[in-house]
Amino acid sequence: MSTLPATQSPQSQTEFNGSIGIFDSGVGGLSIYQGVKNLLINERVVYVGDMAHSPYGEKSAEFILQRCHKICQYLQRQGVKAIVVACNTATVSVIDSLRAQFSLPIIGVEPAVKPAALHSKTGHVGVFATRATLASRSFNQLMADLTQFACFHTVACRGLVEAIETMPHDDNHIQRLLNDFSAQVLSHNIDALVLGCTHYPFIKHQLRHILPKHIDIYDTAQAVARQLQRRLQQVDGLAPQTHSLEDVFLTSGDAAFGEQIFSRLLNKSTKVKQLII
């Protein structure tokens, strides 16, 4: 595994020209990456996992803002044509600031509470999210705008992101966490559960064994991919044909560990470089 410095020679400063940048505090955004690749098969993606500073959900808004701006500055210097903020916490905390500073399309992620509320028959929707997402003004406003359709029962899933990033070693620990978190919403007659963090789709299969079959599980990957497609169409930015370059995976943490977890979650051998930023 090699190391990629944030500041490179002029010859390499546009090596990702025309690519789509996707970043998250860690590996959760890989669920968004999969959604993007399933829809936009011609595009090359550069993924940055800020694993040295994960999880964002337990960090201050000021710290999250600083990290997100650094990552977006790096991606912009490398010539990406759009950036996906593949982290719920970062989206609700800093998306407006990022859009004000950067001129290229910036797409955030939003917990799928609206479709869950509109499709709920019982009028009760569970929401799993990080502490920072649940405390954010934008997320609470989103829920407030939907109170005529459903009552939301939220759980701050402390420790779940960290456990997912150390799978499979923490599988038993994850099971205990999910049992506890699920018990907190099942008593409210929910028929929908929103996964309000991009890490959480990777434990959907375990949740499916815990939750009754009538409860639908909602995440945001497909909606984000469609929004990215719309934004690129607006600026005539879609790749006209399949590229010959491989997708790029970077981490601010340990590259060897990154390769292990990226390969396992993507179910394929994945090369990861360390990005010093």
Foldseek 3Di string as FASTA:
>chain_A
DAADELDDDPVQQQVCALAEEEEACACLLVLLVVLQCVVQVQGAYAYEHAPVDPDPLPPDLVVLQVVVVSVVVSVVSNHYQEYEHSWLLSCLRPVVVVVVVDPHHYHYFFWPVPVQLQPWPVQEEEEEDANSNVPGPVNVVVVVVRNVRHDYQYDHQPPLLVLLLPPPVCVVVNLVSLLVSVVSRVVPVTQEYIYSTSSPVLCVVVNCVVDPPSRYYDYTSNVRSVVVVVSCVVVVSRDPGHDPDHHAAEYCDDQVSSQVSNCVSVVHRDGYHYYND
